[in-house]
Amino acid sequence: FVAWWMWRSIYLSKLPGFGRKLRVMIDWTFELFFPRDLSAPLP
């Protein structure tokens, strides 16, 4: 778990753009409490 937390922290800091960082943090938070999205949106 420690290595996983480090992975997320380090790569989140390297992700370009504050808006993208915020989106990823929100998605990661949702993933802790809600099931993964099973939609298949490709045409």
All heavy atoms as atom14 arrays in JSON, in Angstrom:
{
  "sequence": "FVAWWMWRSIYLSKLPGFGRKLRVMIDWTFELFFPRDLSAPLP",
  "atom14_mask": [
    [1, 1, 1, 1, 1, 1, 1, 1, 1, 1, 1, 0, 0, 0],
    [1, 1, 1, 1, 1, 1, 1, 0, 0, 0, 0, 0, 0, 0],
    [1, 1, 1, 1, 1, 0, 0, 0, 0, 0, 0, 0, 0, 0],
    [1, 1, 1, 1, 1, 1, 1, 1, 1, 1, 1, 1, 1, 1],
    [1, 1, 1, 1, 1, 1, 1, 1, 1, 1, 1, 1, 1, 1],
    [1, 1, 1, 1, 1, 1, 1, 1, 0, 0, 0, 0, 0, 0],
    [1, 1, 1, 1, 1, 1, 1, 1, 1, 1, 1, 1, 1, 1],
    [1, 1, 1, 1, 1, 1, 1, 1, 1, 1, 1, 0, 0, 0],
    [1, 1, 1, 1, 1, 1, 0, 0, 0, 0, 0, 0, 0, 0],
    [1, 1, 1, 1, 1, 1, 1, 1, 0, 0, 0, 0, 0, 0],
    [1, 1, 1, 1, 1, 1, 1, 1, 1, 1, 1, 1, 0, 0],
    [1, 1, 1, 1, 1, 1, 1, 1, 0, 0, 0, 0, 0, 0],
    [1, 1, 1, 1, 1, 1, 0, 0, 0, 0, 0, 0, 0, 0],
    [1, 1, 1, 1, 1, 1, 1, 1, 1, 0, 0, 0, 0, 0],
    [1, 1, 1, 1, 1, 1, 1, 1, 0, 0, 0, 0, 0, 0],
    [1, 1, 1, 1, 1, 1, 1, 0, 0, 0, 0, 0, 0, 0],
    [1, 1, 1, 1, 0, 0, 0, 0, 0, 0, 0, 0, 0, 0],
    [1, 1, 1, 1, 1, 1, 1, 1, 1, 1, 1, 0, 0, 0],
    [1, 1, 1, 1, 0, 0, 0, 0, 0, 0, 0, 0, 0, 0],
    [1, 1, 1, 1, 1, 1, 1, 1, 1, 1, 1, 0, 0, 0],
    [1, 1, 1, 1, 1, 1, 1, 1, 1, 0, 0, 0, 0, 0],
    [1, 1, 1, 1, 1, 1, 1, 1, 0, 0, 0, 0, 0, 0],
    [1, 1, 1, 1, 1, 1, 1, 1, 1, 1, 1, 0, 0, 0],
    [1, 1, 1, 1, 1, 1, 1, 0, 0, 0, 0, 0, 0, 0],
    [1, 1, 1, 1, 1, 1, 1, 1, 0, 0, 0, 0, 0, 0],
    [1, 1, 1, 1, 1, 1, 1, 1, 0, 0, 0, 0, 0, 0],
    [1, 1, 1, 1, 1, 1, 1, 1, 0, 0, 0, 0, 0, 0],
    [1, 1, 1, 1, 1, 1, 1, 1, 1, 1, 1, 1, 1, 1],
    [1, 1, 1, 1, 1, 1, 1, 0, 0, 0, 0, 0, 0, 0],
    [1, 1, 1, 1, 1, 1, 1, 1, 1, 1, 1, 0, 0, 0],
    [1, 1, 1, 1, 1, 1, 1, 1, 1, 0, 0, 0, 0, 0],
    [1, 1, 1, 1, 1, 1, 1, 1, 0, 0, 0, 0, 0, 0],
    [1, 1, 1, 1, 1, 1, 1, 1, 1, 1, 1, 0, 0, 0],
    [1, 1, 1, 1, 1, 1, 1, 1, 1, 1, 1, 0, 0, 0],
    [1, 1, 1, 1, 1, 1, 1, 0, 0, 0, 0, 0, 0, 0],
    [1, 1, 1, 1, 1, 1, 1, 1, 1, 1, 1, 0, 0, 0],
    [1, 1, 1, 1, 1, 1, 1, 1, 0, 0, 0, 0, 0, 0],
    [1, 1, 1, 1, 1, 1, 1, 1, 0, 0, 0, 0, 0, 0],
    [1, 1, 1, 1, 1, 1, 0, 0, 0, 0, 0, 0, 0, 0],
    [1, 1, 1, 1, 1, 0, 0, 0, 0, 0, 0, 0, 0, 0],
    [1, 1, 1, 1, 1, 1, 1, 0, 0, 0, 0, 0, 0, 0],
    [1, 1, 1, 1, 1, 1, 1, 1, 0, 0, 0, 0, 0, 0],
    [1, 1, 1, 1, 1, 1, 1, 0, 0, 0, 0, 0, 0, 0]
  ],
  "atom14_positions": [
    [[0.81, -1.21, 0.0], [0.0, 0.0, 0.0], [0.85, 1.27, 0.0], [0.51, 2.26, -0.66], [-0.94, 0.0, 1.22], [-1.8, 1.23, 1.31], [-3.0, 1.3, 0.6], [-1.41, 2.32, 2.08], [-3.79, 2.44, 0.67], [-2.2, 3.46, 2.15], [-3.4, 3.52, 1.45], [0.0, 0.0, 0.0], [0.0, 0.0, 0.0], [0.0, 0.0, 0.0]],
    [[1.97, 1.25, 0.73], [2.84, 2.44, 0.8], [3.36, 2.78, -0.59], [3.36, 3.95, -1.01], [3.99, 2.21, 1.79], [5.0, 3.36, 1.71], [3.46, 2.08, 3.21], [0.0, 0.0, 0.0], [0.0, 0.0, 0.0], [0.0, 0.0, 0.0], [0.0, 0.0, 0.0], [0.0, 0.0, 0.0], [0.0, 0.0, 0.0], [0.0, 0.0, 0.0]],
    [[3.82, 1.76, -1.32], [4.32, 1.99, -2.67], [3.22, 2.49, -3.59], [3.44, 3.36, -4.45], [4.93, 0.71, -3.23], [0.0, 0.0, 0.0], [0.0, 0.0, 0.0], [0.0, 0.0, 0.0], [0.0, 0.0, 0.0], [0.0, 0.0, 0.0], [0.0, 0.0, 0.0], [0.0, 0.0, 0.0], [0.0, 0.0, 0.0], [0.0, 0.0, 0.0]],
    [[2.0, 1.95, -3.4], [0.86, 2.41, -4.21], [0.55, 3.86, -3.92], [0.3, 4.65, -4.84], [-0.35, 1.52, -3.9], [-1.63, 1.96, -4.53], [-2.05, 1.76, -5.81], [-2.69, 2.7, -3.88], [-3.29, 2.31, -6.0], [-3.71, 2.9, -4.84], [-2.87, 3.2, -2.59], [-4.88, 3.58, -4.55], [-4.04, 3.88, -2.29], [-5.03, 4.06, -3.28]],
    [[0.56, 4.27, -2.67], [0.32, 5.66, -2.31], [1.4, 6.57, -2.9], [1.11, 7.66, -3.41], [0.28, 5.79, -0.79], [0.04, 7.21, -0.32], [-1.15, 7.85, -0.19], [1.05, 8.15, 0.05], [-0.95, 9.14, 0.24], [0.38, 9.36, 0.39], [2.45, 8.11, 0.13], [1.07, 10.49, 0.82], [3.13, 9.24, 0.53], [2.45, 10.41, 0.88]],
    [[2.67, 6.1, -2.87], [3.76, 6.88, -3.45], [3.57, 7.01, -4.96], [3.79, 8.09, -5.53], [5.1, 6.22, -3.13], [5.47, 6.24, -1.67], [6.99, 5.32, -1.32], [8.18, 6.31, -2.2], [0.0, 0.0, 0.0], [0.0, 0.0, 0.0], [0.0, 0.0, 0.0], [0.0, 0.0, 0.0], [0.0, 0.0, 0.0], [0.0, 0.0, 0.0]],
    [[3.17, 5.91, -5.61], [2.95, 5.95, -7.06], [1.93, 7.01, -7.41], [2.15, 7.85, -8.29], [2.47, 4.58, -7.54], [2.3, 4.46, -9.03], [3.2, 3.97, -9.92], [1.14, 4.83, -9.8], [2.7, 4.02, -11.2], [1.44, 4.54, -11.16], [-0.1, 5.38, -9.5], [0.54, 4.79, -12.19], [-1.0, 5.64, -10.52], [-0.68, 5.33, -11.84]],
    [[0.79, 7.01, -6.72], [-0.26, 7.98, -7.01], [0.19, 9.4, -6.71], [-0.08, 10.33, -7.47], [-1.53, 7.63, -6.24], [-2.25, 6.41, -6.8], [-3.71, 6.38, -6.45], [-4.45, 5.48, -7.33], [-5.75, 5.28, -7.26], [-6.47, 5.91, -6.35], [-6.35, 4.46, -8.1], [0.0, 0.0, 0.0], [0.0, 0.0, 0.0], [0.0, 0.0, 0.0]],
    [[0.89, 9.6, -5.62], [1.32, 10.95, -5.23], [2.32, 11.51, -6.22], [2.22, 12.67, -6.66], [1.92, 10.93, -3.82], [0.99, 10.46, -2.88], [0.0, 0.0, 0.0], [0.0, 0.0, 0.0], [0.0, 0.0, 0.0], [0.0, 0.0, 0.0], [0.0, 0.0, 0.0], [0.0, 0.0, 0.0], [0.0, 0.0, 0.0], [0.0, 0.0, 0.0]],
    [[3.31, 10.69, -6.59], [4.37, 11.17, -7.48], [3.82, 11.47, -8.88], [4.08, 12.53, -9.45], [5.51, 10.15, -7.55], [6.27, 10.11, -6.2], [6.49, 10.47, -8.68], [7.29, 9.0, -6.08], [0.0, 0.0, 0.0], [0.0, 0.0, 0.0], [0.0, 0.0, 0.0], [0.0, 0.0, 0.0], [0.0, 0.0, 0.0], [0.0, 0.0, 0.0]],
    [[3.03, 10.55, -9.43], [2.55, 10.77, -10.79], [1.46, 11.85, -10.85], [1.33, 12.55, -11.86], [2.05, 9.46, -11.4], [3.2, 8.61, -11.89], [3.42, 7.33, -11.38], [4.09, 9.09, -12.84], [4.48, 6.56, -11.82], [5.16, 8.33, -13.29], [5.36, 7.07, -12.77], [6.42, 6.31, -13.19], [0.0, 0.0, 0.0], [0.0, 0.0, 0.0]],
    [[0.7, 12.0, -9.78], [-0.26, 13.1, -9.75], [0.46, 14.44, -9.81], [0.02, 15.37, -10.49], [-1.12, 13.02, -8.49], [-2.23, 14.07, -8.37], [-3.26, 13.89, -9.48], [-2.89, 13.99, -7.0], [0.0, 0.0, 0.0], [0.0, 0.0, 0.0], [0.0, 0.0, 0.0], [0.0, 0.0, 0.0], [0.0, 0.0, 0.0], [0.0, 0.0, 0.0]],
    [[1.6, 14.53, -9.13], [2.37, 15.79, -9.14], [2.96, 16.08, -10.51], [3.17, 17.24, -10.87], [3.48, 15.73, -8.09], [4.49, 14.79, -8.46], [0.0, 0.0, 0.0], [0.0, 0.0, 0.0], [0.0, 0.0, 0.0], [0.0, 0.0, 0.0], [0.0, 0.0, 0.0], [0.0, 0.0, 0.0], [0.0, 0.0, 0.0], [0.0, 0.0, 0.0]],
    [[3.22, 15.04, -11.29], [3.82, 15.22, -12.62], [2.78, 15.44, -13.72], [3.13, 15.85, -14.83], [4.68, 14.0, -12.97], [5.9, 13.8, -12.08], [6.66, 12.55, -12.48], [7.86, 12.32, -11.58], [8.86, 13.4, -11.71], [0.0, 0.0, 0.0], [0.0, 0.0, 0.0], [0.0, 0.0, 0.0], [0.0, 0.0, 0.0], [0.0, 0.0, 0.0]],
    [[1.52, 15.15, -13.45], [0.47, 15.3, -14.46], [0.33, 16.77, -14.84], [0.13, 17.62, -13.98], [-0.85, 14.76, -13.89], [-2.05, 14.74, -14.84], [-1.82, 13.73, -15.96], [-3.32, 14.4, -14.07], [0.0, 0.0, 0.0], [0.0, 0.0, 0.0], [0.0, 0.0, 0.0], [0.0, 0.0, 0.0], [0.0, 0.0, 0.0], [0.0, 0.0, 0.0]],
    [[0.43, 17.11, -16.13], [0.32, 18.52, -16.53], [-1.08, 19.08, -16.3], [-2.08, 18.41, -16.53], [0.64, 18.48, -18.04], [1.28, 17.16, -18.3], [0.71, 16.23, -17.27], [0.0, 0.0, 0.0], [0.0, 0.0, 0.0], [0.0, 0.0, 0.0], [0.0, 0.0, 0.0], [0.0, 0.0, 0.0], [0.0, 0.0, 0.0], [0.0, 0.0, 0.0]],
    [[-1.15, 20.32, -15.84], [-2.41, 21.03, -15.72], [-3.11, 20.81, -14.4], [-3.38, 19.66, -14.01], [0.0, 0.0, 0.0], [0.0, 0.0, 0.0], [0.0, 0.0, 0.0], [0.0, 0.0, 0.0], [0.0, 0.0, 0.0], [0.0, 0.0, 0.0], [0.0, 0.0, 0.0], [0.0, 0.0, 0.0], [0.0, 0.0, 0.0], [0.0, 0.0, 0.0]],
    [[-3.46, 21.91, -13.72], [-4.16, 21.79, -12.43], [-5.54, 21.16, -12.61], [-5.99, 20.38, -11.78], [-4.29, 23.17, -11.79], [-5.08, 23.16, -10.51], [-4.5, 22.68, -9.33], [-6.39, 23.6, -10.47], [-5.24, 22.65, -8.16], [-7.13, 23.58, -9.3], [-6.54, 23.1, -8.14], [0.0, 0.0, 0.0], [0.0, 0.0, 0.0], [0.0, 0.0, 0.0]],
    [[-6.21, 21.51, -13.71], [-7.53, 20.95, -13.95], [-7.5, 19.44, -14.07], [-8.39, 18.74, -13.55], [0.0, 0.0, 0.0], [0.0, 0.0, 0.0], [0.0, 0.0, 0.0], [0.0, 0.0, 0.0], [0.0, 0.0, 0.0], [0.0, 0.0, 0.0], [0.0, 0.0, 0.0], [0.0, 0.0, 0.0], [0.0, 0.0, 0.0], [0.0, 0.0, 0.0]],
    [[-6.49, 18.91, -14.78], [-6.35, 17.45, -14.91], [-6.05, 16.82, -13.55], [-6.58, 15.76, -13.23], [-5.23, 17.11, -15.9], [-5.51, 17.45, -17.36], [-6.75, 16.74, -17.85], [-6.98, 16.86, -19.27], [-7.48, 17.92, -19.9], [-7.74, 19.02, -19.22], [-7.7, 17.9, -21.19], [0.0, 0.0, 0.0], [0.0, 0.0, 0.0], [0.0, 0.0, 0.0]],
    [[-5.21, 17.44, -12.77], [-4.91, 16.92, -11.42], [-6.2, 16.81, -10.6], [-6.44, 15.8, -9.93], [-3.91, 17.84, -10.71], [-2.48, 17.77, -11.22], [-1.6, 18.69, -10.39], [-0.11, 18.52, -10.71], [0.24, 19.01, -12.05], [0.0, 0.0, 0.0], [0.0, 0.0, 0.0], [0.0, 0.0, 0.0], [0.0, 0.0, 0.0], [0.0, 0.0, 0.0]],
    [[-7.02, 17.85, -10.66], [-8.26, 17.85, -9.89], [-9.2, 16.75, -10.36], [-9.82, 16.05, -9.55], [-8.93, 19.22, -10.0], [-10.15, 19.47, -9.12], [-9.78, 19.31, -7.65], [-10.72, 20.86, -9.39], [0.0, 0.0, 0.0], [0.0, 0.0, 0.0], [0.0, 0.0, 0.0], [0.0, 0.0, 0.0], [0.0, 0.0, 0.0], [0.0, 0.0, 0.0]],
    [[-9.33, 16.58, -11.68], [-10.19, 15.52, -12.22], [-9.73, 14.14, -11.75], [-10.55, 13.29, -11.37], [-10.17, 15.56, -13.75], [-10.92, 16.72, -14.36], [-10.86, 16.62, -15.87], [-11.43, 17.78, -16.52], [-11.48, 17.95, -17.83], [-10.98, 17.02, -18.63], [-12.0, 19.04, -18.36], [0.0, 0.0, 0.0], [0.0, 0.0, 0.0], [0.0, 0.0, 0.0]],
    [[-8.41, 13.91, -11.8], [-7.88, 12.6, -11.4], [-8.13, 12.36, -9.91], [-8.52, 11.25, -9.51], [-6.38, 12.51, -11.73], [-5.75, 11.29, -11.06], [-6.18, 12.43, -13.24], [0.0, 0.0, 0.0], [0.0, 0.0, 0.0], [0.0, 0.0, 0.0], [0.0, 0.0, 0.0], [0.0, 0.0, 0.0], [0.0, 0.0, 0.0], [0.0, 0.0, 0.0]],
    [[-7.92, 13.37, -9.09], [-8.17, 13.21, -7.65], [-9.64, 12.86, -7.4], [-9.95, 12.0, -6.56], [-7.8, 14.51, -6.92], [-6.31, 14.78, -6.85], [-5.93, 16.4, -6.13], [-6.57, 16.17, -4.48], [0.0, 0.0, 0.0], [0.0, 0.0, 0.0], [0.0, 0.0, 0.0], [0.0, 0.0, 0.0], [0.0, 0.0, 0.0], [0.0, 0.0, 0.0]],
    [[-10.54, 13.51, -8.12], [-11.98, 13.22, -7.95], [-12.29, 11.79, -8.39], [-13.0, 11.04, -7.7], [-12.82, 14.24, -8.73], [-12.68, 15.64, -8.09], [-14.28, 13.82, -8.78], [-13.31, 16.75, -8.91], [0.0, 0.0, 0.0], [0.0, 0.0, 0.0], [0.0, 0.0, 0.0], [0.0, 0.0, 0.0], [0.0, 0.0, 0.0], [0.0, 0.0, 0.0]],
    [[-11.77, 11.38, -9.56], [-12.02, 10.03, -10.05], [-11.45, 8.98, -9.1], [-12.08, 7.93, -8.86], [-11.42, 9.86, -11.45], [-12.35, 10.4, -12.53], [-13.46, 10.84, -12.19], [-11.96, 10.38, -13.71], [0.0, 0.0, 0.0], [0.0, 0.0, 0.0], [0.0, 0.0, 0.0], [0.0, 0.0, 0.0], [0.0, 0.0, 0.0], [0.0, 0.0, 0.0]],
    [[-10.25, 9.22, -8.59], [-9.66, 8.27, -7.64], [-10.5, 8.17, -6.36], [-10.66, 7.09, -5.79], [-8.23, 8.7, -7.31], [-7.22, 8.26, -8.33], [-7.4, 7.34, -9.32], [-5.88, 8.73, -8.46], [-6.25, 7.19, -10.06], [-5.3, 8.04, -9.55], [-5.11, 9.66, -7.77], [-3.98, 8.25, -9.95], [-3.8, 9.88, -8.18], [-3.23, 9.17, -9.25]],
    [[-11.02, 9.3, -5.91], [-11.86, 9.29, -4.71], [-13.15, 8.51, -4.97], [-13.59, 7.7, -4.14], [-12.19, 10.73, -4.28], [-10.96, 11.44, -4.05], [-13.02, 10.73, -3.0], [0.0, 0.0, 0.0], [0.0, 0.0, 0.0], [0.0, 0.0, 0.0], [0.0, 0.0, 0.0], [0.0, 0.0, 0.0], [0.0, 0.0, 0.0], [0.0, 0.0, 0.0]],
    [[-13.79, 8.74, -6.12], [-15.0, 8.01, -6.48], [-14.73, 6.5, -6.55], [-15.57, 5.69, -6.13], [-15.53, 8.5, -7.83], [-16.53, 9.61, -7.72], [-16.14, 10.85, -7.24], [-17.85, 9.43, -8.07], [-17.05, 11.89, -7.12], [-18.77, 10.45, -7.95], [-18.37, 11.7, -7.47], [0.0, 0.0, 0.0], [0.0, 0.0, 0.0], [0.0, 0.0, 0.0]],
    [[-13.56, 6.14, -7.05], [-13.23, 4.72, -7.22], [-13.15, 4.0, -5.87], [-13.38, 2.78, -5.79], [-11.91, 4.6, -7.98], [-11.51, 3.19, -8.37], [-10.35, 2.67, -7.55], [-9.61, 3.49, -6.97], [-10.19, 1.44, -7.48], [0.0, 0.0, 0.0], [0.0, 0.0, 0.0], [0.0, 0.0, 0.0], [0.0, 0.0, 0.0], [0.0, 0.0, 0.0]],
    [[-12.87, 4.73, -4.79], [-12.79, 4.12, -3.47], [-14.17, 3.76, -2.91], [-14.29, 2.85, -2.1], [-12.08, 5.08, -2.5], [-10.6, 5.36, -2.76], [-10.08, 6.43, -1.8], [-9.76, 4.09, -2.64], [0.0, 0.0, 0.0], [0.0, 0.0, 0.0], [0.0, 0.0, 0.0], [0.0, 0.0, 0.0], [0.0, 0.0, 0.0], [0.0, 0.0, 0.0]],
    [[-15.21, 4.47, -3.39], [-16.54, 4.3, -2.8], [-17.58, 3.76, -3.76], [-18.63, 3.27, -3.32], [-17.03, 5.65, -2.24], [-16.13, 6.21, -1.17], [-15.25, 7.25, -1.46], [-16.16, 5.71, 0.11], [-14.43, 7.78, -0.48], [-15.34, 6.22, 1.1], [-14.46, 7.26, 0.8], [0.0, 0.0, 0.0], [0.0, 0.0, 0.0], [0.0, 0.0, 0.0]],
    [[-17.34, 3.85, -5.06], [-18.34, 3.44, -6.04], [-17.76, 2.41, -7.0], [-16.55, 2.37, -7.23], [-18.84, 4.66, -6.81], [-19.48, 5.71, -5.94], [-18.76, 6.83, -5.55], [-20.79, 5.57, -5.52], [-19.33, 7.8, -4.75], [-21.37, 6.53, -4.72], [-20.64, 7.65, -4.32], [0.0, 0.0, 0.0], [0.0, 0.0, 0.0], [0.0, 0.0, 0.0]],
    [[-18.6, 1.57, -7.6], [-18.09, 0.57, -8.56], [-17.57, 1.23, -9.83], [-17.92, 2.36, -10.16], [-19.33, -0.3, -8.84], [-20.5, 0.58, -8.52], [-20.05, 1.45, -7.39], [0.0, 0.0, 0.0], [0.0, 0.0, 0.0], [0.0, 0.0, 0.0], [0.0, 0.0, 0.0], [0.0, 0.0, 0.0], [0.0, 0.0, 0.0], [0.0, 0.0, 0.0]],
    [[-16.73, 0.5, -10.54], [-16.17, 1.01, -11.79], [-17.24, 1.12, -12.86], [-18.19, 0.35, -12.88], [-15.03, 0.1, -12.26], [-13.91, 0.0, -11.24], [-12.71, -0.74, -11.79], [-11.72, -0.94, -10.73], [-10.41, -1.03, -10.95], [-9.94, -0.96, -12.17], [-9.58, -1.2, -9.94], [0.0, 0.0, 0.0], [0.0, 0.0, 0.0], [0.0, 0.0, 0.0]],
    [[-17.06, 2.08, -13.73], [-18.02, 2.34, -14.8], [-17.96, 1.21, -15.83], [-16.89, 0.93, -16.39], [-17.68, 3.68, -15.46], [-18.77, 4.16, -16.41], [-19.63, 3.34, -16.78], [-18.75, 5.34, -16.78], [0.0, 0.0, 0.0], [0.0, 0.0, 0.0], [0.0, 0.0, 0.0], [0.0, 0.0, 0.0], [0.0, 0.0, 0.0], [0.0, 0.0, 0.0]],
    [[-19.09, 0.56, -16.08], [-19.13, -0.56, -17.01], [-19.74, -0.2, -18.36], [-20.1, -1.09, -19.13], [-19.92, -1.72, -16.39], [-19.33, -2.31, -15.11], [-20.19, -3.47, -14.63], [-17.89, -2.76, -15.33], [0.0, 0.0, 0.0], [0.0, 0.0, 0.0], [0.0, 0.0, 0.0], [0.0, 0.0, 0.0], [0.0, 0.0, 0.0], [0.0, 0.0, 0.0]],
    [[-19.83, 1.08, -18.66], [-20.33, 1.48, -19.98], [-19.24, 1.26, -21.02], [-18.05, 1.37, -20.72], [-20.77, 2.94, -19.98], [-19.7, 3.78, -19.56], [0.0, 0.0, 0.0], [0.0, 0.0, 0.0], [0.0, 0.0, 0.0], [0.0, 0.0, 0.0], [0.0, 0.0, 0.0], [0.0, 0.0, 0.0], [0.0, 0.0, 0.0], [0.0, 0.0, 0.0]],
    [[-19.66, 0.93, -22.25], [-18.73, 0.73, -23.36], [-19.07, 1.75, -24.44], [-19.84, 1.48, -25.35], [-18.84, -0.69, -23.91], [0.0, 0.0, 0.0], [0.0, 0.0, 0.0], [0.0, 0.0, 0.0], [0.0, 0.0, 0.0], [0.0, 0.0, 0.0], [0.0, 0.0, 0.0], [0.0, 0.0, 0.0], [0.0, 0.0, 0.0], [0.0, 0.0, 0.0]],
    [[-18.49, 2.96, -24.35], [-18.94, 4.07, -25.2], [-18.36, 4.1, -26.62], [-18.74, 4.95, -27.4], [-18.46, 5.3, -24.42], [-17.22, 4.82, -23.73], [-17.47, 3.37, -23.39], [0.0, 0.0, 0.0], [0.0, 0.0, 0.0], [0.0, 0.0, 0.0], [0.0, 0.0, 0.0], [0.0, 0.0, 0.0], [0.0, 0.0, 0.0], [0.0, 0.0, 0.0]],
    [[-17.45, 3.2, -26.94], [-16.86, 3.26, -28.27], [-17.91, 3.0, -29.34], [-18.75, 2.1, -29.2], [-15.73, 2.23, -28.41], [-14.37, 2.62, -27.83], [-13.35, 1.57, -28.21], [-13.91, 3.97, -28.3], [0.0, 0.0, 0.0], [0.0, 0.0, 0.0], [0.0, 0.0, 0.0], [0.0, 0.0, 0.0], [0.0, 0.0, 0.0], [0.0, 0.0, 0.0]],
    [[-17.88, 3.75, -30.44], [-18.84, 3.52, -31.52], [-18.55, 2.24, -32.27], [-17.48, 1.63, -32.12], [-18.64, 4.74, -32.43], [-17.2, 5.13, -32.2], [-16.94, 4.83, -30.75], [0.0, 0.0, 0.0], [0.0, 0.0, 0.0], [0.0, 0.0, 0.0], [0.0, 0.0, 0.0], [0.0, 0.0, 0.0], [0.0, 0.0, 0.0], [0.0, 0.0, 0.0]]
  ]
}
